[in-house]
C-alpha atoms as a PDB file:
ATOM      1  CA  MET A   1     108.470 229.387 118.279  1.00  0.00           C
ATOM      2  CA  THR A   2     109.776 226.658 120.020  1.00  0.00           C
ATOM      3  CA  ARG A   3     113.023 224.381 118.793  1.00  0.00           C
ATOM      4  CA  VAL A   4     112.474 220.981 117.625  1.00  0.00           C
ATOM      5  CA  LYS A   5     115.165 218.193 118.368  1.00  0.00           C
ATOM      6  CA  ARG A   6     115.405 215.564 115.423  1.00  0.00           C
ATOM      7  CA  GLY A   7     118.488 213.904 116.900  1.00  0.00           C
ATOM      8  CA  THR A   8     116.186 210.757 117.731  1.00  0.00           C
ATOM      9  CA  LEU A   9     114.469 210.168 114.821  1.00  0.00           C
ATOM     10  CA  SER A  10     117.593 210.718 112.881  1.00  0.00           C
ATOM     11  CA  VAL A  11     118.733 207.830 114.652  1.00  0.00           C
ATOM     12  CA  LYS A  12     116.008 205.721 114.347  1.00  0.00           C
ATOM     13  CA  LYS A  13     116.396 206.156 110.637  1.00  0.00           C
ATOM     14  CA  ARG A  14     119.859 205.012 110.401  1.00  0.00           C
ATOM     15  CA  ARG A  15     119.471 201.966 112.501  1.00  0.00           C
ATOM     16  CA  LYS A  16     116.836 200.862 110.521  1.00  0.00           C
ATOM     17  CA  ILE A  17     118.707 200.686 107.248  1.00  0.00           C
ATOM     18  CA  LEU A  18     121.732 199.272 108.946  1.00  0.00           C
ATOM     19  CA  LYS A  19     119.415 196.838 110.369  1.00  0.00           C
ATOM     20  CA  TYR A  20     118.036 196.095 106.629  1.00  0.00           C
ATOM     21  CA  THR A  21     121.973 195.299 105.541  1.00  0.00           C
ATOM     22  CA  LYS A  22     122.650 193.119 108.117  1.00  0.00           C
ATOM     23  CA  GLY A  23     125.162 190.393 106.811  1.00  0.00           C
ATOM     24  CA  TYR A  24     126.158 192.548 103.836  1.00  0.00           C
ATOM     25  CA  ARG A  25     130.348 192.607 102.953  1.00  0.00           C
ATOM     26  CA  TRP A  26     132.538 195.683 103.968  1.00  0.00           C
ATOM     27  CA  GLY A  27     131.109 198.983 104.698  1.00  0.00           C
ATOM     28  CA  ARG A  28     127.643 198.143 103.481  1.00  0.00           C
ATOM     29  CA  LYS A  29     126.680 196.957 106.482  1.00  0.00           C
ATOM     30  CA  SER A  30     128.207 199.596 109.109  1.00  0.00           C
ATOM     31  CA  LYS A  31     128.115 203.373 106.905  1.00  0.00           C
ATOM     32  CA  VAL A  32     124.850 204.433 106.514  1.00  0.00           C
ATOM     33  CA  ARG A  33     125.557 205.921 103.287  1.00  0.00           C
ATOM     34  CA  ALA A  34     126.994 202.881 101.641  1.00  0.00           C
ATOM     35  CA  ALA A  35     124.393 200.697 103.108  1.00  0.00           C
ATOM     36  CA  HIS A  36     121.397 202.982 101.673  1.00  0.00           C
ATOM     37  CA  GLU A  37     122.897 202.686  98.304  1.00  0.00           C
ATOM     38  CA  ALA A  38     123.447 198.974  98.692  1.00  0.00           C
ATOM     39  CA  LEU A  39     119.397 198.764  99.878  1.00  0.00           C
ATOM     40  CA  ILE A  40     118.411 200.655  97.014  1.00  0.00           C
ATOM     41  CA  HIS A  41     120.250 198.079  94.589  1.00  0.00           C
ATOM     42  CA  ALA A  42     119.367 195.095  96.381  1.00  0.00           C
ATOM     43  CA  TRP A  43     115.530 195.984  96.412  1.00  0.00           C
ATOM     44  CA  THR A  44     115.393 196.776  92.838  1.00  0.00           C
ATOM     45  CA  HIS A  45     116.569 193.050  91.820  1.00  0.00           C
ATOM     46  CA  ALA A  46     114.565 191.576  94.616  1.00  0.00           C
ATOM     47  CA  PHE A  47     111.601 192.882  92.819  1.00  0.00           C
ATOM     48  CA  GLN A  48     112.858 192.206  89.806  1.00  0.00           C
ATOM     49  CA  GLY A  49     113.656 188.426  90.778  1.00  0.00           C
ATOM     50  CA  ARG A  50     110.342 187.790  92.154  1.00  0.00           C
ATOM     51  CA  LYS A  51     109.168 188.366  88.461  1.00  0.00           C
ATOM     52  CA  GLN A  52     111.922 186.316  86.892  1.00  0.00           C
ATOM     53  CA  LYS A  53     110.541 183.628  89.339  1.00  0.00           C
ATOM     54  CA  LYS A  54     107.528 182.863  87.713  1.00  0.00           C
ATOM     55  CA  ARG A  55     108.967 182.646  84.381  1.00  0.00           C
ATOM     56  CA  ASP A  56     111.618 180.706  85.359  1.00  0.00           C
ATOM     57  CA  TYR A  57     108.828 177.975  86.877  1.00  0.00           C
ATOM     58  CA  ARG A  58     106.797 178.526  83.588  1.00  0.00           C
ATOM     59  CA  ARG A  59     109.711 177.174  81.154  1.00  0.00           C
ATOM     60  CA  LEU A  60     110.619 174.783  84.057  1.00  0.00           C
ATOM     61  CA  TRP A  61     107.371 172.972  83.905  1.00  0.00           C
ATOM     62  CA  THR A  62     107.427 173.151  79.829  1.00  0.00           C
ATOM     63  CA  THR A  63     110.509 171.668  79.472  1.00  0.00           C
ATOM     64  CA  LYS A  64     109.568 169.154  81.967  1.00  0.00           C
ATOM     65  CA  ILE A  65     106.068 168.498  80.045  1.00  0.00           C
ATOM     66  CA  ASN A  66     108.214 168.438  76.667  1.00  0.00           C
ATOM     67  CA  ALA A  67     110.373 165.947  77.554  1.00  0.00           C
ATOM     68  CA  ALA A  68     107.447 163.711  78.646  1.00  0.00           C
ATOM     69  CA  VAL A  69     105.613 164.051  75.549  1.00  0.00           C
ATOM     70  CA  ARG A  70     108.429 163.067  73.343  1.00  0.00           C
ATOM     71  CA  LEU A  71     108.910 160.196  74.984  1.00  0.00           C
ATOM     72  CA  GLU A  72     105.491 159.006  73.687  1.00  0.00           C
ATOM     73  CA  GLY A  73     106.067 160.305  70.607  1.00  0.00           C
ATOM     74  CA  MET A  74     104.416 163.464  70.487  1.00  0.00           C
ATOM     75  CA  LYS A  75     104.975 167.155  70.454  1.00  0.00           C
ATOM     76  CA  TYR A  76     104.536 169.646  72.972  1.00  0.00           C
ATOM     77  CA  SER A  77     102.478 171.764  70.915  1.00  0.00           C
ATOM     78  CA  THR A  78     100.210 168.969  69.316  1.00  0.00           C
ATOM     79  CA  PHE A  79      99.759 168.394  73.363  1.00  0.00           C
ATOM     80  CA  ILE A  80      98.536 171.600  74.467  1.00  0.00           C
ATOM     81  CA  LYS A  81      96.578 172.034  71.585  1.00  0.00           C
ATOM     82  CA  ALA A  82      94.888 168.112  72.141  1.00  0.00           C
ATOM     83  CA  LEU A  83      94.587 169.582  75.849  1.00  0.00           C
ATOM     84  CA  LYS A  84      92.544 172.684  74.747  1.00  0.00           C
ATOM     85  CA  ASP A  85      90.215 170.758  72.225  1.00  0.00           C
ATOM     86  CA  LYS A  86      89.296 168.218  74.720  1.00  0.00           C
ATOM     87  CA  ASP A  87      88.710 171.222  77.282  1.00  0.00           C
ATOM     88  CA  ILE A  88      91.270 169.765  79.870  1.00  0.00           C
ATOM     89  CA  GLN A  89      91.785 172.775  82.327  1.00  0.00           C
ATOM     90  CA  LEU A  90      94.756 171.636  84.079  1.00  0.00           C
ATOM     91  CA  ASP A  91      97.853 173.799  84.084  1.00  0.00           C
ATOM     92  CA  ARG A  92     101.640 172.780  83.160  1.00  0.00           C
ATOM     93  CA  LYS A  93     102.824 173.292  86.870  1.00  0.00           C
ATOM     94  CA  ILE A  94     100.046 170.000  87.396  1.00  0.00           C
ATOM     95  CA  LEU A  95     101.090 168.416  84.056  1.00  0.00           C
ATOM     96  CA  ALA A  96     104.416 168.751  84.931  1.00  0.00           C
ATOM     97  CA  ASP A  97     104.659 167.313  88.189  1.00  0.00           C
ATOM     98  CA  LEU A  98     102.356 164.692  86.873  1.00  0.00           C
ATOM     99  CA  ALA A  99     105.047 163.773  83.924  1.00  0.00           C
ATOM    100  CA  GLU A 100     107.533 163.938  86.864  1.00  0.00           C
ATOM    101  CA  HIS A 101     105.927 161.839  89.971  1.00  0.00           C
ATOM    102  CA  GLU A 102     103.269 159.887  88.165  1.00  0.00           C
ATOM    103  CA  PRO A 103     104.120 158.917  84.930  1.00  0.00           C
ATOM    104  CA  ALA A 104     101.346 156.038  84.249  1.00  0.00           C
ATOM    105  CA  THR A 105      98.882 158.697  84.877  1.00  0.00           C
ATOM    106  CA  PHE A 106     100.574 161.143  82.344  1.00  0.00           C
ATOM    107  CA  LYS A 107     100.633 158.109  79.665  1.00  0.00           C
ATOM    108  CA  ALA A 108      96.767 157.325  80.380  1.00  0.00           C
ATOM    109  CA  LEU A 109      96.273 161.137  79.944  1.00  0.00           C
ATOM    110  CA  LEU A 110      97.987 160.956  76.646  1.00  0.00           C
ATOM    111  CA  LYS A 111      96.629 157.737  75.679  1.00  0.00           C
ATOM    112  CA  SER A 112      92.904 159.584  76.357  1.00  0.00           C
ATOM    113  CA  LEU A 113      94.071 162.541  74.118  1.00  0.00           C
ATOM    114  CA  SER A 114      95.002 160.343  71.076  1.00  0.00           C
END
């Protein structure tokens, strides 16, 4: 059987790892073993962060809606219940945007629920 030289593939693999860790601090940008370890952790946190971002935005929207609704003397929970009862299908992102940037429209929405 003929001999297979794998030097080029190994070098490509190492270069690819080091390309991903460009900009990291200390030896994690230049030493392959440290770079590989750093990437494993970084990608794990990145995956978790993408999931967490969705939770954080939903909490922010809820807070914005709650603040706007309380100015009009209503609770957040009763507001959401009233929306569901009237079959108004606006999601929290849109409601928060209305509360922040279009307060007159948001007040009109609240009046229609009362």
